[in-house]
N, C-alpha and C. Protein backbone atom coordinates (compact mmCIF):
# COMPACT_ATOMS: atom_id res chain seq x y z
N MET A 1 -101.96 80.34 12.40
CA MET A 1 -103.08 81.27 12.46
C MET A 1 -103.01 82.15 13.68
N SER A 2 -102.78 81.54 14.85
CA SER A 2 -102.74 82.32 16.08
C SER A 2 -101.55 83.28 16.08
N GLU A 3 -100.41 82.88 15.49
CA GLU A 3 -99.25 83.76 15.43
C GLU A 3 -99.55 85.02 14.63
N LYS A 4 -100.27 84.85 13.53
CA LYS A 4 -100.62 86.02 12.71
C LYS A 4 -101.56 86.94 13.47
N ILE A 5 -102.48 86.36 14.24
CA ILE A 5 -103.39 87.17 15.03
C ILE A 5 -102.61 87.96 16.07
N TYR A 6 -101.66 87.32 16.73
CA TYR A 6 -100.89 88.03 17.74
C TYR A 6 -100.05 89.13 17.11
N ASN A 7 -99.53 88.89 15.90
CA ASN A 7 -98.77 89.93 15.21
C ASN A 7 -99.65 91.13 14.94
N SER A 8 -100.91 90.90 14.58
CA SER A 8 -101.80 92.02 14.32
C SER A 8 -102.16 92.74 15.61
N MET A 9 -102.23 92.02 16.70
CA MET A 9 -102.62 92.64 17.97
C MET A 9 -101.58 93.64 18.44
N LYS A 10 -100.31 93.44 18.12
CA LYS A 10 -99.31 94.41 18.55
C LYS A 10 -99.51 95.73 17.82
N PHE A 11 -100.10 95.69 16.60
CA PHE A 11 -100.45 96.93 15.92
C PHE A 11 -101.70 97.55 16.52
N LEU A 12 -102.65 96.71 16.91
CA LEU A 12 -103.92 97.23 17.42
C LEU A 12 -103.72 98.05 18.67
N ILE A 13 -102.70 97.76 19.44
CA ILE A 13 -102.47 98.54 20.65
C ILE A 13 -102.19 99.99 20.29
N VAL A 14 -101.56 100.21 19.13
CA VAL A 14 -101.30 101.58 18.71
C VAL A 14 -102.61 102.30 18.49
N LEU A 15 -103.54 101.64 17.83
CA LEU A 15 -104.86 102.24 17.64
C LEU A 15 -105.49 102.53 18.98
N LEU A 16 -105.46 101.56 19.86
CA LEU A 16 -106.09 101.72 21.15
C LEU A 16 -105.43 102.85 21.92
N VAL A 17 -104.14 102.90 21.85
CA VAL A 17 -103.45 103.96 22.55
C VAL A 17 -103.86 105.30 22.01
N LEU A 18 -104.09 105.39 20.73
CA LEU A 18 -104.47 106.66 20.14
C LEU A 18 -105.88 107.03 20.47
N VAL A 19 -106.66 106.10 20.98
CA VAL A 19 -108.05 106.43 21.22
C VAL A 19 -108.58 106.09 22.59
N ALA A 20 -107.78 105.58 23.49
CA ALA A 20 -108.29 105.20 24.81
C ALA A 20 -108.02 106.25 25.85
N CYS A 21 -108.52 106.02 27.06
CA CYS A 21 -108.35 107.05 28.08
C CYS A 21 -108.27 106.44 29.47
N VAL A 22 -107.50 107.10 30.33
CA VAL A 22 -107.41 106.67 31.71
C VAL A 22 -108.61 107.20 32.48
N SER A 23 -108.63 106.96 33.78
CA SER A 23 -109.81 107.28 34.57
C SER A 23 -109.96 108.76 34.87
N SER A 24 -108.94 109.58 34.62
CA SER A 24 -109.05 111.00 34.89
C SER A 24 -110.05 111.65 33.94
N LYS A 25 -110.72 112.70 34.41
CA LYS A 25 -111.71 113.38 33.59
C LYS A 25 -111.04 114.23 32.52
N PRO A 26 -111.50 114.16 31.27
CA PRO A 26 -110.92 114.98 30.21
C PRO A 26 -111.34 116.43 30.36
N HIS A 27 -110.57 117.32 29.75
CA HIS A 27 -110.83 118.76 29.83
C HIS A 27 -111.55 119.21 28.56
N PHE A 28 -112.84 118.97 28.49
CA PHE A 28 -113.60 119.36 27.31
C PHE A 28 -113.83 120.86 27.29
N PRO A 29 -113.93 121.47 26.10
CA PRO A 29 -114.36 122.87 26.00
C PRO A 29 -115.72 123.04 26.66
N TYR A 30 -115.99 124.24 27.18
CA TYR A 30 -117.20 124.47 27.97
C TYR A 30 -118.47 124.12 27.20
N GLN A 31 -118.45 124.27 25.87
CA GLN A 31 -119.67 124.03 25.08
C GLN A 31 -119.84 122.57 24.70
N CYS A 32 -118.89 121.72 25.04
CA CYS A 32 -118.94 120.31 24.64
C CYS A 32 -119.24 119.43 25.85
N GLN A 33 -120.19 118.54 25.69
CA GLN A 33 -120.53 117.60 26.74
C GLN A 33 -119.71 116.32 26.60
N GLU A 34 -119.51 115.64 27.71
CA GLU A 34 -118.77 114.39 27.67
C GLU A 34 -119.61 113.32 26.97
N PRO A 35 -119.10 112.70 25.90
CA PRO A 35 -119.91 111.74 25.13
C PRO A 35 -119.99 110.39 25.83
N ASN A 36 -120.99 109.60 25.42
CA ASN A 36 -121.12 108.24 25.96
C ASN A 36 -120.33 107.23 25.15
N GLY A 37 -119.72 107.70 24.06
CA GLY A 37 -118.92 106.84 23.20
C GLY A 37 -118.56 107.57 21.93
N TYR A 38 -118.06 106.86 20.96
CA TYR A 38 -117.72 107.49 19.68
C TYR A 38 -117.71 106.43 18.58
N THR A 39 -117.83 106.90 17.34
CA THR A 39 -117.70 106.08 16.15
C THR A 39 -116.88 106.86 15.14
N THR A 40 -115.93 106.22 14.50
CA THR A 40 -115.11 106.94 13.53
C THR A 40 -114.43 105.97 12.58
N ASN A 41 -114.12 106.46 11.38
CA ASN A 41 -113.16 105.81 10.49
C ASN A 41 -111.79 106.39 10.82
N TYR A 42 -110.74 105.67 10.50
CA TYR A 42 -109.41 106.16 10.86
C TYR A 42 -108.35 105.65 9.88
N GLU A 43 -107.25 106.37 9.85
CA GLU A 43 -106.03 105.92 9.17
C GLU A 43 -104.85 106.18 10.10
N VAL A 44 -103.91 105.25 10.15
CA VAL A 44 -102.73 105.37 10.99
C VAL A 44 -101.49 105.14 10.13
N SER A 45 -100.54 106.06 10.20
CA SER A 45 -99.25 105.90 9.54
C SER A 45 -98.16 105.98 10.62
N ALA A 46 -97.34 104.95 10.71
CA ALA A 46 -96.32 104.89 11.75
C ALA A 46 -94.95 104.64 11.14
N PHE A 47 -93.95 105.37 11.63
CA PHE A 47 -92.56 105.17 11.21
C PHE A 47 -91.69 105.06 12.45
N ASN A 48 -91.04 103.90 12.61
CA ASN A 48 -90.10 103.69 13.72
C ASN A 48 -90.72 104.07 15.06
N SER A 49 -91.99 103.78 15.23
CA SER A 49 -92.74 104.26 16.39
C SER A 49 -92.74 103.23 17.51
N LEU A 50 -92.50 103.72 18.72
CA LEU A 50 -92.59 102.87 19.90
C LEU A 50 -94.03 102.78 20.38
N LEU A 51 -94.37 101.69 21.01
CA LEU A 51 -95.67 101.55 21.64
C LEU A 51 -95.61 102.16 23.04
N PRO A 52 -96.60 102.94 23.42
CA PRO A 52 -96.57 103.60 24.74
C PRO A 52 -96.37 102.60 25.87
N ASN A 53 -95.45 102.96 26.78
CA ASN A 53 -95.19 102.14 27.98
C ASN A 53 -94.86 100.69 27.65
N SER A 54 -94.13 100.49 26.56
CA SER A 54 -93.78 99.14 26.14
C SER A 54 -92.29 99.09 25.80
N ASN A 55 -91.68 97.94 26.01
CA ASN A 55 -90.28 97.74 25.65
C ASN A 55 -90.12 97.01 24.32
N GLN A 56 -91.21 96.87 23.57
CA GLN A 56 -91.14 96.22 22.27
C GLN A 56 -90.37 97.09 21.29
N PRO A 57 -89.76 96.48 20.26
CA PRO A 57 -89.03 97.26 19.25
C PRO A 57 -89.97 98.17 18.47
N PRO A 58 -89.43 99.23 17.86
CA PRO A 58 -90.28 100.17 17.11
C PRO A 58 -90.92 99.52 15.89
N LEU A 59 -92.04 100.10 15.46
CA LEU A 59 -92.83 99.56 14.36
C LEU A 59 -93.02 100.61 13.27
N SER A 60 -93.09 100.14 12.02
CA SER A 60 -93.46 100.99 10.89
C SER A 60 -94.56 100.27 10.12
N PHE A 61 -95.69 100.95 9.91
CA PHE A 61 -96.82 100.29 9.26
C PHE A 61 -97.86 101.33 8.87
N PHE A 62 -98.84 100.88 8.08
CA PHE A 62 -100.02 101.69 7.77
C PHE A 62 -101.24 100.87 8.14
N GLU A 63 -102.22 101.53 8.75
CA GLU A 63 -103.45 100.85 9.15
C GLU A 63 -104.65 101.72 8.82
N ALA A 64 -105.73 101.10 8.39
CA ALA A 64 -106.98 101.82 8.14
C ALA A 64 -108.13 100.95 8.60
N GLY A 65 -109.21 101.61 9.03
CA GLY A 65 -110.36 100.84 9.47
C GLY A 65 -111.44 101.72 10.05
N ASN A 66 -112.31 101.10 10.83
CA ASN A 66 -113.33 101.85 11.54
C ASN A 66 -113.48 101.27 12.93
N THR A 67 -113.96 102.08 13.86
CA THR A 67 -114.02 101.66 15.25
C THR A 67 -115.15 102.37 15.97
N THR A 68 -115.68 101.73 16.99
CA THR A 68 -116.69 102.35 17.85
C THR A 68 -116.46 101.87 19.28
N THR A 69 -116.76 102.75 20.24
CA THR A 69 -116.58 102.43 21.66
C THR A 69 -117.77 102.94 22.46
N ASP A 70 -118.26 102.11 23.34
CA ASP A 70 -119.32 102.45 24.29
C ASP A 70 -118.66 102.58 25.66
N PHE A 71 -118.45 103.82 26.13
CA PHE A 71 -117.76 104.03 27.40
C PHE A 71 -118.54 103.45 28.58
N VAL A 72 -119.85 103.65 28.59
CA VAL A 72 -120.68 103.21 29.72
C VAL A 72 -120.81 101.69 29.74
N GLY A 73 -121.11 101.11 28.59
CA GLY A 73 -121.28 99.66 28.51
C GLY A 73 -119.99 98.88 28.42
N GLN A 74 -118.85 99.58 28.33
CA GLN A 74 -117.53 98.96 28.27
C GLN A 74 -117.42 97.98 27.10
N ARG A 75 -117.73 98.49 25.92
CA ARG A 75 -117.64 97.68 24.70
C ARG A 75 -116.87 98.46 23.64
N THR A 76 -116.08 97.75 22.87
CA THR A 76 -115.39 98.40 21.75
C THR A 76 -115.28 97.42 20.59
N PHE A 77 -115.28 97.96 19.39
CA PHE A 77 -115.15 97.17 18.16
C PHE A 77 -114.24 97.91 17.20
N SER A 78 -113.40 97.16 16.50
CA SER A 78 -112.57 97.74 15.44
C SER A 78 -112.44 96.73 14.30
N SER A 79 -112.54 97.21 13.07
CA SER A 79 -112.18 96.41 11.91
C SER A 79 -111.00 97.11 11.25
N TYR A 80 -110.07 96.36 10.68
CA TYR A 80 -108.80 96.95 10.30
C TYR A 80 -108.16 96.24 9.11
N VAL A 81 -107.33 97.00 8.42
CA VAL A 81 -106.40 96.48 7.42
C VAL A 81 -105.03 97.03 7.79
N ILE A 82 -104.04 96.16 7.95
CA ILE A 82 -102.70 96.57 8.37
C ILE A 82 -101.70 96.17 7.30
N LEU A 83 -100.90 97.14 6.86
CA LEU A 83 -99.88 96.91 5.84
C LEU A 83 -98.51 97.23 6.43
N SER A 84 -97.56 96.33 6.25
CA SER A 84 -96.19 96.58 6.69
C SER A 84 -95.24 95.87 5.74
N GLU A 85 -94.04 96.39 5.61
CA GLU A 85 -93.07 95.87 4.65
C GLU A 85 -92.70 94.42 4.98
N GLY A 86 -92.74 93.58 3.95
CA GLY A 86 -92.33 92.20 4.12
C GLY A 86 -93.38 91.28 4.70
N GLN A 87 -94.60 91.79 4.92
CA GLN A 87 -95.67 90.96 5.47
C GLN A 87 -96.91 91.05 4.59
N GLU A 88 -97.69 89.99 4.59
CA GLU A 88 -98.96 90.03 3.89
C GLU A 88 -99.92 90.97 4.62
N PRO A 89 -100.86 91.57 3.90
CA PRO A 89 -101.85 92.43 4.57
C PRO A 89 -102.60 91.64 5.64
N ILE A 90 -102.85 92.28 6.76
CA ILE A 90 -103.61 91.68 7.86
C ILE A 90 -104.98 92.34 7.87
N ILE A 91 -106.02 91.55 7.69
CA ILE A 91 -107.39 92.05 7.65
C ILE A 91 -108.19 91.32 8.72
N GLY A 92 -108.86 92.07 9.56
CA GLY A 92 -109.62 91.41 10.61
C GLY A 92 -110.49 92.36 11.40
N SER A 93 -111.08 91.83 12.46
CA SER A 93 -111.93 92.61 13.36
C SER A 93 -111.68 92.15 14.79
N ILE A 94 -111.90 93.05 15.73
CA ILE A 94 -111.73 92.71 17.14
C ILE A 94 -112.87 93.32 17.95
N TRP A 95 -113.44 92.52 18.84
CA TRP A 95 -114.49 92.97 19.76
C TRP A 95 -113.95 92.81 21.18
N GLU A 96 -114.22 93.80 22.03
CA GLU A 96 -113.80 93.71 23.43
C GLU A 96 -114.98 94.08 24.33
N PHE A 97 -115.18 93.27 25.36
CA PHE A 97 -116.29 93.47 26.29
C PHE A 97 -115.72 93.55 27.70
N GLY A 98 -115.65 94.78 28.23
CA GLY A 98 -114.99 94.99 29.51
C GLY A 98 -115.71 94.36 30.68
N LYS A 99 -117.03 94.26 30.63
CA LYS A 99 -117.78 93.72 31.77
C LYS A 99 -117.56 92.23 31.95
N THR A 100 -117.23 91.53 30.88
CA THR A 100 -116.96 90.09 30.98
C THR A 100 -115.48 89.76 30.77
N ASN A 101 -114.67 90.80 30.50
CA ASN A 101 -113.23 90.61 30.27
C ASN A 101 -112.95 89.63 29.13
N GLU A 102 -113.79 89.72 28.08
CA GLU A 102 -113.62 88.84 26.93
C GLU A 102 -113.30 89.64 25.67
N GLY A 103 -112.45 89.07 24.83
CA GLY A 103 -112.16 89.65 23.54
C GLY A 103 -112.28 88.60 22.46
N PHE A 104 -112.71 89.02 21.26
CA PHE A 104 -112.84 88.11 20.13
C PHE A 104 -112.12 88.72 18.94
N ILE A 105 -111.25 87.95 18.30
CA ILE A 105 -110.48 88.41 17.14
C ILE A 105 -110.83 87.52 15.96
N LEU A 106 -111.31 88.14 14.88
CA LEU A 106 -111.74 87.39 13.70
C LEU A 106 -110.82 87.71 12.53
N GLN A 107 -110.16 86.68 12.01
CA GLN A 107 -109.33 86.81 10.81
C GLN A 107 -109.46 85.54 9.98
N ASN A 108 -109.58 85.73 8.67
CA ASN A 108 -109.67 84.58 7.75
C ASN A 108 -110.77 83.62 8.17
N GLU A 109 -111.90 84.17 8.63
CA GLU A 109 -113.08 83.40 9.01
C GLU A 109 -112.84 82.50 10.23
N VAL A 110 -111.75 82.72 10.94
CA VAL A 110 -111.46 82.00 12.18
C VAL A 110 -111.56 82.98 13.33
N CYS A 111 -112.31 82.61 14.38
CA CYS A 111 -112.51 83.48 15.53
C CYS A 111 -111.75 82.93 16.73
N VAL A 112 -110.98 83.78 17.37
CA VAL A 112 -110.21 83.41 18.56
C VAL A 112 -110.72 84.21 19.74
N LYS A 113 -110.96 83.54 20.85
CA LYS A 113 -111.42 84.18 22.08
C LYS A 113 -110.25 84.33 23.04
N VAL A 114 -110.07 85.54 23.57
CA VAL A 114 -108.97 85.81 24.50
C VAL A 114 -109.51 86.54 25.72
N SER A 115 -108.67 86.68 26.72
CA SER A 115 -109.04 87.39 27.94
C SER A 115 -108.49 88.81 27.91
N LEU A 116 -109.22 89.73 28.52
CA LEU A 116 -108.77 91.11 28.65
C LEU A 116 -108.09 91.30 30.00
N ASN A 117 -107.11 92.18 30.04
CA ASN A 117 -106.38 92.34 31.30
C ASN A 117 -106.07 93.79 31.62
N SER A 118 -106.87 94.72 31.10
CA SER A 118 -106.51 96.12 31.28
C SER A 118 -107.74 96.97 31.51
N PRO A 119 -107.55 98.16 32.08
CA PRO A 119 -108.69 99.06 32.32
C PRO A 119 -109.36 99.43 31.01
N PHE A 120 -110.66 99.59 31.04
CA PHE A 120 -111.41 99.95 29.84
C PHE A 120 -111.52 101.47 29.76
N PRO A 121 -111.44 102.05 28.56
CA PRO A 121 -111.55 103.52 28.43
C PRO A 121 -112.90 104.01 28.90
N ILE A 122 -112.90 105.14 29.60
CA ILE A 122 -114.16 105.70 30.11
C ILE A 122 -114.49 107.03 29.46
N SER A 123 -113.59 107.57 28.65
CA SER A 123 -113.85 108.86 28.01
C SER A 123 -112.83 109.09 26.92
N LEU A 124 -113.00 110.18 26.19
CA LEU A 124 -111.99 110.59 25.21
C LEU A 124 -110.71 110.98 25.94
N PRO A 125 -109.56 110.94 25.23
CA PRO A 125 -108.26 111.02 25.89
C PRO A 125 -107.69 112.41 26.09
N LEU A 126 -108.51 113.44 26.15
CA LEU A 126 -107.99 114.80 26.22
C LEU A 126 -107.42 115.11 27.60
N GLY A 127 -106.18 115.63 27.61
CA GLY A 127 -105.56 116.08 28.84
C GLY A 127 -105.58 117.59 28.95
N ASP A 128 -104.41 118.20 29.11
CA ASP A 128 -104.32 119.65 29.25
C ASP A 128 -104.39 120.34 27.90
N LEU A 129 -105.09 121.46 27.86
CA LEU A 129 -105.16 122.28 26.65
C LEU A 129 -103.85 123.04 26.47
N LEU A 130 -103.21 122.87 25.31
CA LEU A 130 -101.95 123.54 25.03
C LEU A 130 -102.12 124.83 24.24
N GLY A 131 -103.22 124.95 23.50
CA GLY A 131 -103.44 126.15 22.71
C GLY A 131 -104.36 125.89 21.54
N SER A 132 -104.50 126.90 20.70
CA SER A 132 -105.35 126.81 19.51
C SER A 132 -104.56 127.27 18.30
N PHE A 133 -104.84 126.69 17.13
CA PHE A 133 -104.20 127.12 15.90
C PHE A 133 -105.04 126.64 14.73
N LEU A 134 -104.54 126.86 13.53
CA LEU A 134 -105.28 126.52 12.32
C LEU A 134 -104.57 125.41 11.56
N ILE A 135 -105.35 124.49 11.01
CA ILE A 135 -104.86 123.57 9.98
C ILE A 135 -105.42 124.11 8.68
N GLY A 136 -104.58 124.70 7.87
CA GLY A 136 -105.09 125.50 6.76
C GLY A 136 -105.84 126.67 7.36
N GLN A 137 -107.14 126.73 7.16
CA GLN A 137 -107.98 127.74 7.81
C GLN A 137 -109.01 127.09 8.73
N PHE A 138 -108.71 125.87 9.16
CA PHE A 138 -109.62 125.11 10.01
C PHE A 138 -109.17 125.22 11.46
N PRO A 139 -109.93 125.91 12.33
CA PRO A 139 -109.51 126.11 13.72
C PRO A 139 -109.62 124.83 14.55
N VAL A 140 -108.56 124.52 15.29
CA VAL A 140 -108.55 123.37 16.18
C VAL A 140 -107.88 123.74 17.50
N GLN A 141 -108.13 122.94 18.51
CA GLN A 141 -107.42 123.04 19.78
C GLN A 141 -106.47 121.85 19.89
N ILE A 142 -105.33 122.06 20.55
CA ILE A 142 -104.37 120.98 20.74
C ILE A 142 -104.29 120.63 22.22
N TYR A 143 -104.37 119.34 22.50
CA TYR A 143 -104.36 118.83 23.88
C TYR A 143 -103.24 117.81 24.05
N ASN A 144 -102.67 117.78 25.25
CA ASN A 144 -101.85 116.65 25.64
C ASN A 144 -102.74 115.43 25.86
N ALA A 145 -102.15 114.24 25.75
CA ALA A 145 -102.89 113.03 26.10
C ALA A 145 -103.09 112.97 27.60
N ALA A 146 -104.24 112.43 28.01
CA ALA A 146 -104.53 112.30 29.44
C ALA A 146 -103.69 111.22 30.10
N ALA A 147 -103.25 110.24 29.33
CA ALA A 147 -102.52 109.11 29.90
C ALA A 147 -101.01 109.36 29.85
N TYR A 148 -100.30 108.91 30.87
CA TYR A 148 -98.85 109.06 30.93
C TYR A 148 -98.17 107.90 30.21
N SER A 149 -97.08 108.21 29.52
CA SER A 149 -96.25 107.19 28.89
C SER A 149 -94.79 107.55 29.12
N PHE A 150 -93.97 106.58 29.51
CA PHE A 150 -92.57 106.87 29.81
C PHE A 150 -91.70 106.99 28.56
N ASN A 151 -92.19 106.49 27.43
CA ASN A 151 -91.33 106.47 26.24
C ASN A 151 -91.91 107.21 25.04
N THR A 152 -93.12 107.77 25.18
CA THR A 152 -93.74 108.50 24.07
C THR A 152 -94.42 109.76 24.58
N ASN A 153 -94.63 110.71 23.66
CA ASN A 153 -95.43 111.90 23.92
C ASN A 153 -96.55 111.93 22.89
N GLN A 154 -97.74 112.32 23.33
CA GLN A 154 -98.89 112.28 22.43
C GLN A 154 -99.72 113.54 22.55
N THR A 155 -100.18 114.04 21.40
CA THR A 155 -101.08 115.18 21.37
C THR A 155 -102.29 114.86 20.49
N TYR A 156 -103.38 115.59 20.75
CA TYR A 156 -104.61 115.42 19.99
C TYR A 156 -105.05 116.77 19.44
N LEU A 157 -105.57 116.76 18.22
CA LEU A 157 -106.23 117.93 17.65
C LEU A 157 -107.72 117.72 17.78
N TYR A 158 -108.41 118.76 18.30
CA TYR A 158 -109.82 118.65 18.65
C TYR A 158 -110.57 119.83 18.06
N ASP A 159 -111.72 119.54 17.46
CA ASP A 159 -112.56 120.58 16.87
C ASP A 159 -113.60 121.02 17.90
N PRO A 160 -113.45 122.21 18.50
CA PRO A 160 -114.39 122.64 19.54
C PRO A 160 -115.76 123.00 19.00
N LYS A 161 -115.86 123.23 17.69
CA LYS A 161 -117.15 123.59 17.11
C LYS A 161 -118.07 122.37 17.02
N THR A 162 -117.53 121.26 16.56
CA THR A 162 -118.32 120.03 16.43
C THR A 162 -118.05 119.05 17.56
N CYS A 163 -117.14 119.42 18.48
CA CYS A 163 -116.81 118.58 19.64
C CYS A 163 -116.33 117.20 19.18
N SER A 164 -115.34 117.17 18.30
CA SER A 164 -114.88 115.90 17.75
C SER A 164 -113.37 115.87 17.63
N LEU A 165 -112.81 114.65 17.73
CA LEU A 165 -111.39 114.45 17.48
C LEU A 165 -111.10 114.60 15.99
N VAL A 166 -109.95 115.19 15.69
CA VAL A 166 -109.53 115.40 14.31
C VAL A 166 -108.33 114.53 13.97
N SER A 167 -107.32 114.55 14.85
CA SER A 167 -106.08 113.87 14.56
C SER A 167 -105.30 113.66 15.86
N SER A 168 -104.34 112.76 15.82
CA SER A 168 -103.45 112.55 16.96
C SER A 168 -102.06 112.21 16.46
N THR A 169 -101.05 112.70 17.18
CA THR A 169 -99.66 112.40 16.85
C THR A 169 -98.97 111.81 18.07
N LEU A 170 -98.31 110.69 17.86
CA LEU A 170 -97.53 110.02 18.90
C LEU A 170 -96.06 110.12 18.52
N ARG A 171 -95.21 110.57 19.45
CA ARG A 171 -93.78 110.78 19.17
C ARG A 171 -92.94 110.02 20.18
N ASN A 172 -91.86 109.42 19.72
CA ASN A 172 -90.91 108.82 20.66
C ASN A 172 -90.30 109.91 21.53
N SER A 173 -90.19 109.66 22.82
CA SER A 173 -89.64 110.67 23.73
C SER A 173 -88.15 110.88 23.52
N ASP A 174 -87.43 109.83 23.17
CA ASP A 174 -85.98 109.89 22.97
C ASP A 174 -85.70 110.49 21.59
N ILE A 175 -85.23 111.74 21.57
CA ILE A 175 -85.01 112.41 20.28
C ILE A 175 -83.86 111.80 19.49
N SER A 176 -83.02 111.00 20.14
CA SER A 176 -81.94 110.33 19.42
C SER A 176 -82.45 109.11 18.65
N LYS A 177 -83.69 108.70 18.93
CA LYS A 177 -84.32 107.58 18.23
C LYS A 177 -85.70 108.02 17.74
N PRO A 178 -85.73 108.92 16.74
CA PRO A 178 -87.01 109.51 16.32
C PRO A 178 -87.97 108.48 15.75
N GLY A 179 -89.23 108.70 16.05
CA GLY A 179 -90.29 107.85 15.52
C GLY A 179 -91.62 108.54 15.73
N PHE A 180 -92.57 108.30 14.83
CA PHE A 180 -93.83 109.02 14.86
C PHE A 180 -94.98 108.11 14.43
N THR A 181 -96.15 108.36 15.00
CA THR A 181 -97.39 107.75 14.54
C THR A 181 -98.42 108.85 14.37
N LEU A 182 -99.00 108.96 13.18
CA LEU A 182 -100.04 109.95 12.91
C LEU A 182 -101.35 109.23 12.66
N MET A 183 -102.39 109.63 13.38
CA MET A 183 -103.71 109.02 13.23
C MET A 183 -104.73 110.09 12.91
N ASN A 184 -105.43 109.93 11.80
CA ASN A 184 -106.49 110.85 11.39
C ASN A 184 -107.85 110.18 11.58
N PHE A 185 -108.81 110.97 12.06
CA PHE A 185 -110.17 110.48 12.28
C PHE A 185 -111.10 111.07 11.23
N TYR A 186 -111.94 110.23 10.63
CA TYR A 186 -112.87 110.67 9.59
C TYR A 186 -114.30 110.34 10.02
N ASN A 187 -115.22 111.23 9.65
CA ASN A 187 -116.64 111.03 9.97
C ASN A 187 -116.84 110.71 11.46
N PHE A 188 -116.17 111.50 12.30
CA PHE A 188 -116.22 111.26 13.75
C PHE A 188 -117.59 111.62 14.31
N GLU A 189 -118.16 110.72 15.11
CA GLU A 189 -119.45 110.96 15.76
C GLU A 189 -119.32 110.68 17.26
N ASN A 190 -119.93 111.54 18.07
CA ASN A 190 -119.86 111.40 19.52
C ASN A 190 -120.93 110.45 20.06
N THR A 191 -121.01 109.29 19.49
CA THR A 191 -121.91 108.25 19.98
C THR A 191 -121.44 106.91 19.41
N PHE A 192 -121.76 105.84 20.09
CA PHE A 192 -121.36 104.53 19.59
C PHE A 192 -122.40 103.97 18.63
N THR A 193 -121.99 102.98 17.84
CA THR A 193 -122.88 102.32 16.88
C THR A 193 -123.23 100.94 17.41
N GLU A 194 -124.45 100.78 17.88
CA GLU A 194 -124.86 99.56 18.59
C GLU A 194 -124.68 98.30 17.74
N SER A 195 -125.03 98.35 16.48
CA SER A 195 -125.00 97.14 15.64
C SER A 195 -123.59 96.59 15.45
N TRP A 196 -122.58 97.43 15.60
CA TRP A 196 -121.21 96.97 15.40
C TRP A 196 -120.73 96.03 16.50
N PHE A 197 -121.43 95.99 17.62
CA PHE A 197 -121.02 95.12 18.72
C PHE A 197 -121.56 93.70 18.57
N ASP A 198 -122.39 93.46 17.57
CA ASP A 198 -122.93 92.12 17.34
C ASP A 198 -121.83 91.19 16.85
N LEU A 199 -121.64 90.08 17.52
CA LEU A 199 -120.63 89.11 17.11
C LEU A 199 -121.10 88.33 15.90
N PRO A 200 -120.19 88.03 14.95
CA PRO A 200 -120.56 87.20 13.80
C PRO A 200 -120.74 85.75 14.23
N SER A 201 -121.35 84.97 13.36
CA SER A 201 -121.63 83.57 13.69
C SER A 201 -120.37 82.79 14.01
N ALA A 202 -119.25 83.15 13.38
CA ALA A 202 -117.99 82.43 13.62
C ALA A 202 -117.53 82.56 15.07
N CYS A 203 -117.96 83.65 15.74
CA CYS A 203 -117.56 83.87 17.13
C CYS A 203 -118.62 83.39 18.12
N LEU A 204 -119.70 82.83 17.61
CA LEU A 204 -120.77 82.32 18.46
C LEU A 204 -120.89 80.81 18.41
N SER A 205 -120.18 80.19 17.48
CA SER A 205 -120.30 78.75 17.28
C SER A 205 -119.27 77.99 18.11
N GLN A 206 -119.37 76.68 18.09
CA GLN A 206 -118.43 75.83 18.82
C GLN A 206 -117.04 75.81 18.18
N SER A 207 -116.93 76.42 17.01
CA SER A 207 -115.63 76.44 16.33
C SER A 207 -114.72 77.54 16.85
N VAL A 208 -115.20 78.36 17.78
CA VAL A 208 -114.37 79.42 18.34
C VAL A 208 -113.15 78.82 19.02
N VAL A 209 -111.98 79.36 18.71
CA VAL A 209 -110.73 78.90 19.31
C VAL A 209 -110.48 79.70 20.58
N THR A 210 -110.43 79.04 21.72
CA THR A 210 -110.13 79.70 22.99
C THR A 210 -108.68 79.44 23.35
N ILE A 211 -107.93 80.52 23.52
CA ILE A 211 -106.51 80.38 23.84
C ILE A 211 -106.31 80.72 25.31
N PRO A 212 -106.03 79.76 26.18
CA PRO A 212 -105.89 80.03 27.60
C PRO A 212 -104.59 80.78 27.91
N HIS A 213 -104.63 81.51 29.01
CA HIS A 213 -103.45 82.19 29.53
C HIS A 213 -102.89 83.21 28.55
N THR A 214 -103.74 83.75 27.69
CA THR A 214 -103.32 84.81 26.80
C THR A 214 -104.26 85.98 26.98
N VAL A 215 -103.77 87.15 26.66
CA VAL A 215 -104.57 88.35 26.83
C VAL A 215 -104.37 89.25 25.63
N THR A 216 -105.33 90.14 25.42
CA THR A 216 -105.16 91.13 24.38
C THR A 216 -104.16 92.16 24.84
N PRO A 217 -103.58 92.94 23.91
CA PRO A 217 -102.59 93.93 24.31
C PRO A 217 -103.18 94.89 25.32
N GLN A 218 -102.37 95.33 26.25
CA GLN A 218 -102.88 96.23 27.27
C GLN A 218 -103.34 97.51 26.65
N LEU A 219 -104.59 97.87 26.93
CA LEU A 219 -105.14 99.09 26.41
C LEU A 219 -104.47 100.24 27.09
N ASN A 220 -104.34 100.06 28.34
CA ASN A 220 -103.74 101.14 29.05
C ASN A 220 -102.38 100.77 29.48
N ASN A 221 -101.78 100.99 28.80
CA ASN A 221 -100.41 100.94 29.08
C ASN A 221 -99.66 102.17 29.01
N ILE A 222 -100.84 102.91 26.78
CA ILE A 222 -102.22 102.84 26.87
C ILE A 222 -102.85 102.52 25.90
N LEU A 223 -103.34 102.80 23.71
CA LEU A 223 -104.61 103.21 23.78
C LEU A 223 -105.05 102.31 24.61
N LYS A 224 -105.42 102.02 24.58
CA LYS A 224 -106.41 102.66 25.29
C LYS A 224 -105.56 103.50 26.06
N GLY A 225 -104.56 102.73 26.41
CA GLY A 225 -103.43 103.39 26.63
C GLY A 225 -103.45 104.46 25.66
N PHE A 226 -103.72 104.23 24.15
CA PHE A 226 -103.66 105.38 23.22
C PHE A 226 -104.57 106.35 23.72
N PHE A 227 -105.95 105.58 24.03
CA PHE A 227 -106.81 106.41 24.83
C PHE A 227 -106.42 106.09 26.21
């Protein structure tokens, strides 16, 4: 059970990297205020993709789910379905609480408690503005990621009209070993969803499995690193 959870966690870092942020202030358009969090549905498609700032082998997979983050309260939640060749679908949820450095991973009605070991995202991951263009006839701005990665390059598409993330692309830096991760955001809202941070009974009972000396994947490496 724990091995399957850890296998899923290596995928979750990709999500986090695509949505987390370092401590530097993002470059929001003048008409957009810095949000206190966000809520969104998402889909991730990855082919031969490296994890930012990681020496792990490349991954190919599809992931879908929903997520919310409270930047001020240092809380994040994600529910996910992960599909990859040769493996059974991985379905679960993860809660992270930065103020207590605790994480809870729920799969197959079993809840595992782990320790957090990385900086918590404080804002959306927008770095330098690269320009503006159209997706079809939909105007967007393109930004570099705010976080540095030695082995990947990442960009974000941002809608300045609604002040929301649209999409993100992660690319392997080494062009001789191409790999890509594309993440699309749906129903993006610039606020967190309070009820999603409530832990289920399986994570509140004495049946919770606590694994010592283990940590969740580094958010900032990044996502969070992603962010």
